[in-house]
Protein backbone atom coordinates (compact mmCIF):
# COMPACT_ATOMS: atom_id res chain seq x y z
CA UNK A 1 51.65 -145.07 -76.98
CA UNK A 2 50.88 -144.86 -80.67
CA UNK A 3 48.85 -146.89 -83.15
CA UNK A 4 50.81 -147.15 -86.40
CA UNK A 5 48.54 -147.54 -89.43
CA UNK A 6 51.03 -146.70 -92.17
CA UNK A 7 54.23 -148.18 -93.57
CA UNK A 8 56.71 -146.76 -96.08
CA UNK A 9 56.93 -148.33 -99.53
CA UNK A 10 59.64 -147.69 -102.12
CA UNK A 11 59.18 -147.37 -105.89
CA UNK A 12 62.45 -148.92 -107.06
CA UNK A 13 62.13 -147.39 -110.53
CA UNK A 14 62.22 -143.89 -109.02
CA UNK A 15 64.76 -144.53 -106.25
CA UNK A 16 68.24 -143.15 -107.01
CA UNK A 17 69.86 -144.34 -103.79
CA UNK A 18 70.56 -140.83 -102.52
CA UNK A 19 70.27 -142.06 -98.92
CA UNK A 20 68.18 -139.09 -97.80
CA UNK A 21 65.65 -141.52 -96.37
CA UNK A 22 68.35 -143.23 -94.29
CA UNK A 23 69.37 -139.91 -92.77
CA UNK A 24 65.88 -138.81 -91.75
CA UNK A 25 64.35 -142.03 -90.40
CA UNK A 26 64.07 -141.65 -86.59
CA UNK A 27 64.02 -145.44 -86.06
CA UNK A 28 66.56 -146.52 -88.73
CA UNK A 29 63.89 -148.50 -90.56
CA UNK A 30 65.13 -147.79 -94.07
CA UNK A 31 68.51 -148.16 -95.74
CA UNK A 32 70.02 -148.45 -99.20
CA UNK A 33 71.01 -151.93 -100.27
CA UNK A 34 72.26 -152.87 -103.73
CA UNK A 35 71.48 -149.40 -105.06
CA UNK A 36 67.88 -149.18 -103.80
CA UNK A 37 66.19 -148.08 -100.57
CA UNK A 38 64.76 -150.99 -98.58
CA UNK A 39 62.19 -150.63 -95.80
CA UNK A 40 62.07 -152.88 -92.74
CA UNK A 41 58.30 -152.85 -92.12
CA UNK A 42 58.72 -154.23 -88.62
CA UNK A 43 60.74 -151.16 -87.62
CA UNK A 44 58.79 -148.52 -89.58
CA UNK A 45 56.72 -146.28 -87.34
CA UNK A 46 54.81 -144.56 -90.13
CA UNK A 47 56.17 -141.07 -89.49
CA UNK A 48 56.45 -140.30 -93.26
CA UNK A 49 59.77 -138.47 -92.90
CA UNK A 50 61.23 -140.50 -95.75
CA UNK A 51 58.26 -139.77 -98.00
CA UNK A 52 58.36 -136.06 -97.25
CA UNK A 53 62.10 -135.71 -97.80
CA UNK A 54 62.65 -138.00 -100.81
CA UNK A 55 63.79 -135.68 -103.66
CA UNK A 56 62.64 -138.19 -106.29
CA UNK A 57 59.17 -138.96 -104.86
CA UNK A 58 60.15 -142.62 -104.70
CA UNK A 59 58.47 -143.31 -101.35
CA UNK A 60 54.81 -143.39 -100.42
CA UNK A 61 53.01 -144.29 -97.22
CA UNK A 62 50.69 -147.27 -97.51
CA UNK A 63 48.05 -148.49 -95.10
CA UNK A 64 49.12 -151.51 -93.06
CA UNK A 65 47.04 -154.66 -93.21
CA UNK A 66 47.18 -154.78 -89.42
CA UNK A 67 47.85 -151.74 -87.19
CA UNK A 68 50.85 -151.92 -84.84
CA UNK A 69 50.54 -150.62 -81.28
CA UNK A 70 53.82 -149.09 -80.04
CA UNK A 71 54.47 -148.25 -76.40
CA UNK A 72 56.07 -149.28 -73.12
CA UNK A 73 53.90 -150.47 -70.26
CA UNK A 74 54.61 -149.10 -66.82
CA UNK A 75 53.93 -152.61 -65.50
CA UNK A 76 57.20 -153.76 -67.06
CA UNK A 77 59.42 -151.61 -64.80
CA UNK A 78 59.80 -150.50 -61.21
CA UNK A 79 57.98 -147.19 -61.25
CA UNK A 80 60.10 -145.84 -58.42
CA UNK A 81 63.11 -146.12 -60.75
CA UNK A 82 61.12 -144.29 -63.44
CA UNK A 83 60.43 -141.47 -61.01
CA UNK A 84 64.10 -141.30 -59.97
CA UNK A 85 65.34 -141.11 -63.56
CA UNK A 86 62.81 -138.43 -64.52
CA UNK A 87 63.73 -136.30 -61.51
CA UNK A 88 67.43 -136.58 -62.35
CA UNK A 89 66.56 -135.24 -65.82
CA UNK A 90 64.46 -132.50 -64.15
CA UNK A 91 61.26 -133.69 -65.76
CA UNK A 92 57.95 -134.60 -64.15
CA UNK A 93 57.23 -138.30 -64.89
CA UNK A 94 53.83 -137.49 -66.33
CA UNK A 95 55.03 -134.52 -68.33
CA UNK A 96 54.33 -134.85 -72.06
CA UNK A 97 57.66 -134.51 -73.84
CA UNK A 98 56.53 -135.48 -77.35
CA UNK A 99 53.38 -133.54 -78.19
CA UNK A 100 52.89 -135.24 -81.56
CA UNK A 101 52.48 -138.68 -79.98
CA UNK A 102 51.51 -137.58 -76.43
CA UNK A 103 54.44 -139.56 -75.04
CA UNK A 104 55.24 -138.83 -71.41
CA UNK A 105 58.63 -138.64 -69.76
CA UNK A 106 57.77 -141.78 -67.74
CA UNK A 107 57.43 -143.90 -70.88
CA UNK A 108 60.78 -142.76 -72.27
CA UNK A 109 62.36 -143.37 -68.85
CA UNK A 110 60.86 -146.87 -68.80
CA UNK A 111 62.25 -147.56 -72.28
CA UNK A 112 65.70 -146.50 -71.10
CA UNK A 113 65.44 -148.70 -68.01
CA UNK A 114 64.53 -151.57 -70.32
CA UNK A 115 67.61 -151.05 -72.50
CA UNK A 116 67.09 -148.15 -74.94
CA UNK A 117 70.47 -146.49 -75.50
CA UNK A 118 69.78 -143.87 -78.16
CA UNK A 119 66.99 -141.58 -79.42
CA UNK A 120 66.46 -144.14 -82.21
CA UNK A 121 65.94 -146.93 -79.64
CA UNK A 122 63.53 -144.71 -77.73
CA UNK A 123 61.59 -143.82 -80.88
CA UNK A 124 61.33 -147.46 -81.89
CA UNK A 125 60.01 -148.63 -78.54
CA UNK A 126 57.79 -145.65 -77.60
CA UNK A 127 57.09 -143.91 -80.95
CA UNK A 128 58.24 -140.59 -79.43
CA UNK A 129 59.92 -138.39 -82.03
CA UNK A 130 57.87 -139.88 -84.90
CA UNK A 131 55.79 -136.77 -85.41
CA UNK A 132 57.48 -133.45 -86.12
CA UNK A 133 60.82 -134.90 -84.86
CA UNK A 134 62.03 -131.52 -83.63
CA UNK A 135 61.61 -130.52 -79.98
CA UNK A 136 61.23 -133.83 -78.18
CA UNK A 137 64.81 -134.97 -78.77
CA UNK A 138 65.88 -132.43 -76.13
CA UNK A 139 64.00 -134.21 -73.37
CA UNK A 140 64.98 -137.64 -74.71
CA UNK A 141 68.67 -136.64 -74.58
CA UNK A 142 68.18 -135.27 -71.07
CA UNK A 143 66.70 -138.56 -69.89
CA UNK A 144 69.44 -140.57 -71.57
CA UNK A 145 72.05 -138.29 -70.01
CA UNK A 146 70.44 -138.70 -66.58
CA UNK A 147 70.90 -142.45 -67.04
CA UNK A 148 74.60 -141.94 -67.81
CA UNK A 149 74.16 -142.46 -71.56
CA UNK A 150 75.64 -139.97 -74.04
CA UNK A 151 74.74 -141.25 -77.53
CA UNK A 152 76.11 -139.96 -80.82
CA UNK A 153 74.09 -139.40 -84.02
CA UNK A 154 74.03 -142.37 -86.41
CA UNK A 155 76.82 -142.50 -88.96
CA UNK A 156 75.92 -140.44 -91.99
CA UNK A 157 74.05 -137.88 -89.96
CA UNK A 158 70.52 -137.20 -88.96
CA UNK A 159 68.69 -134.04 -87.89
CA UNK A 160 69.73 -134.30 -84.29
CA UNK A 161 69.36 -130.95 -82.59
CA UNK A 162 72.08 -130.50 -79.99
CA UNK A 163 71.07 -130.27 -76.35
CA UNK A 164 70.13 -126.72 -75.47
CA UNK A 165 70.96 -125.40 -71.97
CA UNK A 166 68.19 -125.46 -69.40
CA UNK A 167 67.66 -122.69 -66.87
CA UNK A 168 69.68 -124.78 -64.39
CA UNK A 169 72.67 -124.72 -66.73
CA UNK A 170 72.99 -120.95 -66.97
CA UNK A 171 76.24 -119.75 -65.31
CA UNK A 172 75.93 -117.51 -62.29
CA UNK A 173 77.85 -114.77 -64.09
CA UNK A 174 75.28 -114.71 -66.89
CA UNK A 175 72.42 -114.62 -64.41
CA UNK A 176 73.95 -111.64 -62.65
CA UNK A 177 74.50 -109.82 -65.93
CA UNK A 178 70.98 -110.18 -67.22
CA UNK A 179 68.82 -110.23 -64.09
CA UNK A 180 68.67 -106.45 -64.15
CA UNK A 181 67.37 -106.50 -67.73
CA UNK A 182 64.10 -108.22 -66.89
CA UNK A 183 65.21 -111.84 -66.82
CA UNK A 184 64.03 -113.66 -63.70
CA UNK A 185 66.11 -116.82 -63.66
CA UNK A 186 65.53 -117.76 -60.05
CA UNK A 187 61.77 -117.30 -60.39
CA UNK A 188 61.83 -119.54 -63.46
CA UNK A 189 63.79 -122.19 -61.55
CA UNK A 190 61.36 -122.09 -58.61
CA UNK A 191 58.38 -122.42 -60.96
CA UNK A 192 59.88 -125.33 -62.88
CA UNK A 193 60.88 -127.09 -59.68
CA UNK A 194 57.29 -126.80 -58.49
CA UNK A 195 56.15 -128.46 -61.74
CA UNK A 196 58.68 -131.29 -61.31
CA UNK A 197 57.65 -131.85 -57.69
CA UNK A 198 53.91 -131.80 -58.40
CA UNK A 199 51.95 -134.85 -57.15
CA UNK A 200 51.59 -137.76 -59.53
CA UNK A 201 48.17 -138.37 -61.02
CA UNK A 202 46.62 -141.73 -61.84
CA UNK A 203 49.14 -143.97 -60.08
CA UNK A 204 48.66 -146.54 -57.36
CA UNK A 205 51.20 -147.92 -54.93
CA UNK A 206 52.05 -151.62 -55.14
CA UNK A 207 54.35 -152.68 -52.25
CA UNK A 208 56.50 -155.15 -54.18
CA UNK A 209 56.88 -153.23 -57.41
CA UNK A 210 56.77 -149.57 -56.51
CA UNK A 211 54.26 -147.54 -58.49
CA UNK A 212 52.53 -148.20 -61.71
CA UNK A 213 49.62 -146.93 -63.73
CA UNK A 214 46.16 -147.56 -62.38
């Protein structure tokens, strides 16, 4: 969950419609229309990517009149389904997968169960990936893949970082080749599986709706 206090604003006199802002917005909140960048303030999550990347310094971040709280409540989904999806992605439900916004795997899983179908959807509903926008896309793509969703980057490109292999994806031949050189793949797998299987903290059981946050 994130409190958004800022919103992007465009100086039309400086904007040259280069579309850099379109390509870097993690929630698709800005696009070029009639030769100028236009911000949808309802979508903007205040990450400042457009401001930081604009080559003409045409975008600044302004304070919102009213802060916007972004997040997905665990009360809106069956928590047992959240657990199942996280485990399929080999993530602990309470594992933080976006350090910049402290977003947990469970919240991204809940967003997917509620209809998110891309990293941009996830970012819009949870605010994950609105900080550094680098590492967390890996876990988001893993959760989407575990739900049977394989999204493609938006047209025009964005800094999507392709899914990197996990320790479970390493071929047996590679393991055998490098185990004798100090790599301990099976030990890593056992450790990670202990993390994934660790008891949940701060949840209560509700008979009709599975589990939810206390």
